[in-house]
Protein backbone atom coordinates (compact mmCIF):
# COMPACT_ATOMS: atom_id res chain seq x y z
CA MET A 1 0.00 0.00 0.00
CA LYS A 2 1.36 3.37 -1.01
CA HIS A 3 0.95 6.71 0.65
CA LEU A 4 -2.02 8.67 1.86
CA ILE A 5 -2.45 11.77 -0.29
CA LEU A 6 -4.66 13.51 2.22
CA THR A 7 -7.27 12.84 4.84
CA ILE A 8 -10.72 14.20 4.09
CA VAL A 9 -12.48 15.68 7.10
CA MET A 10 -16.19 16.28 6.69
CA ALA A 11 -17.40 19.07 8.93
CA GLY A 12 -20.37 21.36 9.14
CA THR A 13 -22.89 18.88 7.77
CA ALA A 14 -25.79 17.87 9.97
CA LEU A 15 -28.39 15.24 9.25
CA ILE A 16 -31.71 16.19 10.79
CA ALA A 17 -33.61 13.15 12.04
CA GLY A 18 -37.15 13.02 10.70
CA ALA A 19 -36.55 15.76 8.11
CA CYS A 20 -38.60 13.84 5.55
CA GLY A 21 -41.44 13.18 7.98
CA GLY A 22 -42.49 10.07 9.83
CA ASN A 23 -41.88 8.75 13.31
CA ALA A 24 -38.18 8.12 14.03
CA SER A 25 -38.79 5.09 16.24
CA GLN A 26 -41.07 3.53 13.62
CA ALA A 27 -38.47 4.15 10.93
CA ASP A 28 -35.73 2.59 13.08
CA ALA A 29 -37.90 -0.45 13.77
CA ALA A 30 -38.69 -0.87 10.08
CA GLU A 31 -35.01 -0.62 9.15
CA THR A 32 -34.11 -3.19 11.81
CA THR A 33 -36.70 -5.59 10.37
CA VAL A 34 -35.39 -5.09 6.84
CA ASP A 35 -31.78 -5.61 7.97
CA ALA A 36 -32.73 -8.78 9.86
CA LYS A 37 -34.33 -10.20 6.72
CA ALA A 38 -31.34 -9.17 4.64
CA GLN A 39 -28.91 -10.85 7.04
CA SER A 40 -30.87 -14.10 6.85
CA ALA A 41 -30.27 -14.11 3.09
CA VAL A 42 -26.52 -13.41 3.26
CA ILE A 43 -24.30 -15.75 1.26
CA LYS A 44 -21.90 -17.23 3.83
CA CYS A 45 -19.64 -19.64 1.96
CA PHE A 46 -16.46 -17.58 2.58
CA ASP A 47 -14.25 -19.41 5.10
CA ALA A 48 -12.16 -17.20 7.39
CA ASP A 49 -9.63 -19.89 8.31
CA SER A 50 -9.08 -20.81 4.68
CA ALA A 51 -8.43 -17.17 3.77
CA TYR A 52 -6.05 -16.83 6.73
CA ALA A 53 -4.16 -19.90 5.52
CA ARG A 54 -3.79 -18.34 2.05
CA VAL A 55 -2.20 -15.27 3.65
CA ALA A 56 0.13 -17.43 5.77
CA GLU A 57 1.22 -19.41 2.70
CA GLN A 58 2.31 -16.21 1.00
CA VAL A 59 4.22 -14.96 4.03
CA ALA A 60 6.02 -18.32 4.28
CA MET A 61 7.51 -17.64 0.83
CA GLY A 62 9.45 -14.70 2.23
CA PRO A 63 9.30 -11.15 0.89
CA ARG A 64 7.57 -11.00 -2.50
CA ILE A 65 9.77 -8.31 -4.00
CA PRO A 66 9.98 -8.30 -7.82
CA GLY A 67 13.15 -10.04 -8.94
CA THR A 68 13.42 -12.28 -5.86
CA PRO A 69 12.74 -16.01 -5.41
CA GLY A 70 9.84 -15.25 -3.06
CA HIS A 71 8.16 -13.20 -5.75
CA ASP A 72 8.66 -15.95 -8.34
CA ARG A 73 7.16 -18.49 -5.94
CA CYS A 74 4.17 -16.24 -5.35
CA VAL A 75 3.50 -15.89 -9.08
CA GLU A 76 3.39 -19.67 -9.50
CA TYR A 77 1.34 -20.05 -6.32
CA ILE A 78 -1.38 -17.65 -7.44
CA LYS A 79 -1.56 -19.24 -10.88
CA ALA A 80 -1.85 -22.72 -9.37
CA ARG A 81 -4.55 -21.70 -6.88
CA LEU A 82 -6.59 -20.06 -9.62
CA LYS A 83 -6.30 -23.08 -11.91
CA ASP A 84 -7.29 -25.40 -9.06
CA ALA A 85 -10.42 -23.28 -8.63
CA GLY A 86 -11.30 -23.63 -12.30
CA ALA A 87 -10.23 -20.21 -13.55
CA GLU A 88 -8.94 -19.36 -16.99
CA VAL A 89 -5.49 -17.95 -16.16
CA THR A 90 -3.45 -15.47 -18.20
CA VAL A 91 -0.36 -13.41 -17.36
CA GLN A 92 0.58 -9.99 -18.67
CA ASP A 93 4.38 -10.32 -18.62
CA THR A 94 5.95 -7.09 -19.82
CA LEU A 95 8.62 -4.45 -19.29
CA PHE A 96 7.05 -1.18 -18.23
CA ALA A 97 7.98 2.33 -17.15
CA PRO A 98 5.43 5.10 -16.55
CA ALA A 99 5.28 7.61 -19.40
CA GLY A 100 6.97 10.93 -18.77
CA THR A 101 9.22 9.65 -15.99
CA THR A 102 12.89 8.73 -15.78
CA THR A 103 12.04 5.43 -14.08
CA ALA A 104 13.81 2.51 -15.74
CA PRO A 105 11.51 -0.14 -17.28
CA GLN A 106 10.91 -3.06 -14.97
CA ARG A 107 9.42 -6.48 -15.43
CA VAL A 108 5.75 -6.67 -14.47
CA ARG A 109 3.71 -9.85 -14.17
CA ASN A 110 0.00 -9.16 -13.74
CA ILE A 111 -1.98 -12.37 -13.23
CA THR A 112 -5.63 -12.68 -14.28
CA GLY A 113 -8.06 -15.44 -13.32
CA ARG A 114 -11.42 -15.46 -15.07
CA PHE A 115 -14.55 -17.29 -13.91
CA ASN A 116 -17.87 -17.75 -15.74
CA ALA A 117 -16.59 -16.22 -18.98
CA GLY A 118 -19.42 -14.85 -21.09
CA ALA A 119 -21.93 -14.59 -18.22
CA PRO A 120 -24.49 -11.76 -18.48
CA ARG A 121 -22.69 -9.52 -16.00
CA HIS A 122 -18.97 -8.86 -15.53
CA VAL A 123 -17.04 -7.43 -12.56
CA LEU A 124 -13.35 -6.97 -11.79
CA LEU A 125 -11.71 -7.70 -8.42
CA LEU A 126 -8.07 -6.86 -7.80
CA ALA A 127 -5.27 -6.81 -5.23
CA HIS A 128 -1.50 -6.41 -5.36
CA TYR A 129 0.73 -9.35 -4.45
CA ASP A 130 4.19 -7.77 -4.20
CA THR A 131 5.59 -6.48 -0.91
CA ARG A 132 7.47 -3.38 0.21
CA PRO A 133 11.26 -3.89 -0.07
CA TRP A 134 11.95 -1.65 2.92
CA ALA A 135 10.54 -1.26 6.43
CA ASP A 136 10.88 2.50 6.10
CA GLN A 137 8.20 3.29 8.69
CA GLU A 138 10.11 1.57 11.50
CA ALA A 139 11.05 3.92 14.34
CA ASP A 140 14.61 2.54 14.25
CA GLU A 141 16.26 3.85 11.07
CA LYS A 142 18.72 0.96 11.16
CA LEU A 143 15.82 -1.31 10.17
CA HIS A 144 14.67 0.74 7.20
CA ASP A 145 16.45 -1.42 4.62
CA THR A 146 14.88 -4.65 5.93
CA PRO A 147 12.13 -6.15 3.74
CA ILE A 148 8.71 -6.60 5.34
CA ASP A 149 6.58 -9.75 5.50
CA GLY A 150 3.65 -7.92 3.93
CA ALA A 151 1.01 -10.07 5.60
CA ASN A 152 -1.55 -7.28 5.52
CA ASP A 153 -0.05 -5.05 2.83
CA GLY A 154 0.17 -7.55 -0.01
CA GLY A 155 -0.94 -10.84 1.51
CA SER A 156 -4.42 -10.03 2.79
CA GLY A 157 -6.02 -8.86 -0.45
CA VAL A 158 -4.63 -11.86 -2.29
CA GLY A 159 -5.83 -14.19 0.47
CA VAL A 160 -9.38 -12.87 0.24
CA LEU A 161 -9.45 -13.13 -3.55
CA LEU A 162 -8.09 -16.68 -3.52
CA GLU A 163 -10.73 -17.74 -1.00
CA ILE A 164 -13.43 -16.19 -3.19
CA ALA A 165 -11.91 -18.12 -6.10
CA ARG A 166 -12.09 -21.35 -4.08
CA VAL A 167 -15.83 -20.96 -3.46
CA MET A 168 -16.78 -19.73 -6.92
CA ASN A 169 -18.25 -23.15 -7.74
CA GLN A 170 -20.72 -22.63 -4.87
CA LEU A 171 -21.91 -19.27 -6.20
CA PRO A 172 -24.32 -18.32 -9.01
CA ASP A 173 -22.80 -18.48 -12.49
CA ASN A 174 -24.55 -15.38 -13.85
CA VAL A 175 -21.58 -13.07 -13.21
CA GLU A 176 -18.23 -13.21 -14.97
CA VAL A 177 -15.69 -12.53 -12.23
CA GLU A 178 -12.30 -11.33 -13.40
CA MET A 179 -9.61 -11.40 -10.70
CA LEU A 180 -6.51 -9.31 -11.30
CA PHE A 181 -3.41 -9.78 -9.15
CA VAL A 182 -1.25 -6.75 -9.86
CA ASP A 183 2.51 -6.62 -9.55
CA ALA A 184 5.00 -3.91 -8.57
CA GLU A 185 2.65 -1.80 -6.47
CA ASP A 186 4.65 -1.14 -3.35
CA ALA A 187 8.21 -0.04 -4.18
CA GLY A 188 7.42 3.61 -4.76
CA SER A 189 8.97 6.82 -3.49
CA TYR A 190 6.83 9.12 -1.36
CA ALA A 191 8.07 12.00 -3.56
CA ASP A 192 6.84 10.46 -6.83
CA ASP A 193 3.22 9.37 -7.27
CA PHE A 194 3.97 7.53 -10.53
CA SER A 195 6.60 5.31 -8.90
CA TRP A 196 3.78 3.39 -7.19
CA CYS A 197 1.29 0.97 -8.72
CA ILE A 198 3.49 0.09 -11.68
CA GLY A 199 1.54 -3.10 -12.38
CA SER A 200 -1.84 -1.40 -12.53
CA GLN A 201 -0.37 1.38 -14.68
CA ALA A 202 0.87 -1.26 -17.13
CA TRP A 203 -2.53 -2.97 -17.12
CA ALA A 204 -4.38 0.30 -17.71
CA ASP A 205 -2.05 1.35 -20.53
CA ALA A 206 -2.69 -1.97 -22.29
CA PHE A 207 -6.46 -1.86 -21.71
CA ASP A 208 -8.38 -1.70 -25.00
CA PRO A 209 -12.18 -1.54 -24.63
CA THR A 210 -12.63 -2.35 -28.32
CA SER A 211 -10.93 -5.73 -28.02
CA ARG A 212 -12.23 -7.00 -24.71
CA ARG A 213 -15.24 -6.89 -22.42
CA VAL A 214 -15.44 -3.91 -20.06
CA PRO A 215 -16.37 -4.72 -16.44
CA GLU A 216 -19.36 -2.99 -14.86
CA TYR A 217 -17.15 -1.96 -11.95
CA ALA A 218 -13.97 -2.87 -10.08
CA ILE A 219 -13.25 -3.43 -6.39
CA LEU A 220 -9.67 -3.16 -5.09
CA LEU A 221 -8.74 -4.89 -1.83
CA ASP A 222 -5.71 -3.46 -0.03
CA MET A 223 -4.72 -4.02 3.60
CA VAL A 224 -7.92 -5.88 4.43
CA GLY A 225 -6.73 -8.19 7.22
CA GLY A 226 -5.76 -6.01 10.17
CA LYS A 227 -7.01 -6.66 13.70
CA GLY A 228 -9.96 -4.44 14.48
CA ALA A 229 -9.85 -2.85 11.03
CA ARG A 230 -12.54 -0.38 10.05
CA PHE A 231 -13.03 0.46 6.39
CA THR A 232 -14.13 4.01 5.67
CA ARG A 233 -15.08 5.37 2.26
CA GLU A 234 -11.95 6.25 0.27
CA TYR A 235 -12.22 9.73 -1.26
CA PHE A 236 -11.56 9.05 -4.96
CA SER A 237 -13.81 5.99 -4.83
CA ASP A 238 -16.64 8.19 -3.58
CA ARG A 239 -15.93 10.94 -6.06
CA TYR A 240 -15.60 8.85 -9.23
CA ALA A 241 -17.49 5.62 -8.44
CA ASN A 242 -20.01 6.75 -5.85
CA THR A 243 -22.72 4.33 -6.98
CA VAL A 244 -20.37 1.37 -6.50
CA ASN A 245 -19.21 2.65 -3.12
CA ASN A 246 -22.83 3.07 -2.02
CA LEU A 247 -23.61 -0.48 -3.10
CA VAL A 248 -20.70 -1.94 -1.12
CA TRP A 249 -21.42 -0.02 2.08
CA GLN A 250 -25.15 -0.75 1.87
CA THR A 251 -24.35 -4.43 1.39
CA ALA A 252 -22.03 -4.35 4.42
CA ARG A 253 -24.78 -2.91 6.61
CA LYS A 254 -27.37 -5.39 5.40
CA ALA A 255 -24.94 -8.28 5.91
CA GLY A 256 -24.30 -7.26 9.53
CA TYR A 257 -20.91 -5.62 9.00
CA GLY A 258 -21.92 -2.00 9.55
CA GLU A 259 -19.35 -1.59 12.34
CA VAL A 260 -16.55 -2.89 10.13
CA PHE A 261 -17.67 -0.66 7.24
CA PRO A 262 -18.74 2.58 8.95
CA ASP A 263 -20.43 4.97 6.53
CA GLN A 264 -17.80 7.65 7.03
CA PRO A 265 -15.31 9.47 4.77
CA GLY A 266 -11.76 8.15 4.65
CA GLY A 267 -8.45 9.13 3.10
CA ALA A 268 -7.64 10.02 -0.50
CA LEU A 269 -5.19 7.41 -1.72
CA ASN A 270 -2.76 6.92 -4.57
CA ASP A 271 -3.66 3.26 -5.06
CA ASP A 272 -4.24 0.80 -7.90
CA HIS A 273 -7.88 1.84 -8.34
CA ILE A 274 -6.74 5.26 -9.64
CA HIS A 275 -5.33 3.61 -12.76
CA ILE A 276 -8.38 1.39 -13.22
CA LEU A 277 -10.52 4.53 -13.06
CA ARG A 278 -8.67 6.10 -15.97
CA THR A 279 -9.74 3.22 -18.22
CA GLY A 280 -13.34 4.30 -17.66
CA ILE A 281 -14.19 1.46 -15.26
CA PRO A 282 -15.84 2.70 -12.04
CA ALA A 283 -13.36 1.48 -9.41
CA ILE A 284 -13.33 1.65 -5.62
CA ASP A 285 -10.78 0.87 -2.94
CA ILE A 286 -11.62 -1.13 0.19
CA VAL A 287 -8.68 -0.16 2.40
CA GLU A 288 -8.02 0.69 6.02
CA SER A 289 -7.09 4.38 5.91
CA SER A 290 -8.55 5.87 9.11
CA HIS A 291 -6.98 3.90 11.95
CA PRO A 292 -7.62 5.66 15.29
CA ALA A 293 -4.00 5.22 16.42
CA THR A 294 -2.53 6.92 13.36
CA GLY A 295 -5.32 8.84 11.64
CA SER A 296 -4.37 6.99 8.47
CA PHE A 297 -3.06 3.46 7.89
CA ASN A 298 -2.76 0.51 10.24
CA PRO A 299 0.20 1.02 12.64
CA THR A 300 1.95 -1.98 11.06
CA TRP A 301 2.10 -0.26 7.64
CA HIS A 302 5.57 -0.58 6.09
CA THR A 303 7.02 -1.95 9.33
CA LEU A 304 8.36 -5.33 10.43
CA SER A 305 5.16 -5.78 12.45
CA ASP A 306 3.20 -6.37 9.24
CA ASN A 307 3.23 -10.09 9.96
CA MET A 308 0.80 -12.92 10.71
CA ASP A 309 0.52 -11.88 14.37
CA ASN A 310 -1.51 -8.90 13.20
CA ILE A 311 -3.85 -10.66 10.76
CA ASP A 312 -7.41 -11.29 11.95
CA PRO A 313 -9.48 -14.01 10.23
CA ALA A 314 -12.63 -12.12 11.25
CA THR A 315 -11.55 -9.08 9.24
CA LEU A 316 -10.77 -11.23 6.21
CA LYS A 317 -14.22 -12.80 6.47
CA ALA A 318 -16.00 -9.47 6.79
CA VAL A 319 -14.38 -8.24 3.59
CA GLY A 320 -14.91 -11.52 1.75
CA ASP A 321 -18.57 -11.73 2.73
CA VAL A 322 -19.21 -8.13 1.71
CA VAL A 323 -17.53 -8.54 -1.68
CA ILE A 324 -19.35 -11.79 -2.48
CA ASN A 325 -22.72 -10.40 -1.46
CA THR A 326 -22.13 -7.17 -3.36
CA ILE A 327 -21.55 -9.14 -6.54
CA PHE A 328 -24.14 -11.89 -6.24
CA GLN A 329 -27.09 -10.30 -4.44
């Protein structure tokens, strides 16, 4: 996960209870009844322990830094898991450098798994699988050159997607689900926005809507496994894909995850969804960006504490359940 561009603070807006008429207690009771019915219909095939195991398997490979054995192992691992789940797997393997920069071209391997090809509807899910080469947020500067485990920042989004892939055969087949595992997201410089998200930049530059199907929307998962995580509404997601953001947060409330997905504004992030947005696909980012201890990211962000000790299966399940129910209900 890259840097927080800014934190949006909403002030001066008041919602007046009962402004549209009606009895507040009656309205609350009606909403409770509706939510109870909605929760009884929630699809619950996502397994928290299985998702947690997928994260642990990645961490066991070591740092997944492009050009390292751990990264190579992770590429083959993701491909194998997708194939085992019945996906059509392709890899965009290319040399890429952002236009207008002096950054040297680097190898990028973006992995795509496709389920239910040709179904009436089509959505895109994505997460990055590489990890930060440096623990540059450690208090001790001597540790800054040490690679991180990337359990949350790198491993968690992949773990959730691979668990969704595993249960795809238990879900309706009326939606084509395209899963994109993007490379080279997390080795950027805080002084250069275009040095981040190299994989999604390469994918977006190669995107041709005349030669392929265009997804209805895209959902990015980034840092979705932290203990006690709360997911607020990322700014650019709200601004450019508000309908999708509304759908996800409404689904979370109806599925019983309103506390995990509070309907509150979050940070404005330079993340992979920015490059998906420029293809014309409405894209949102589910990411922890309003942690109470920091005002932004999880305290383990870009530190050596981003390990399995700080991954919560319950958080993985909340995100997985919300994504599945957003797509299929």
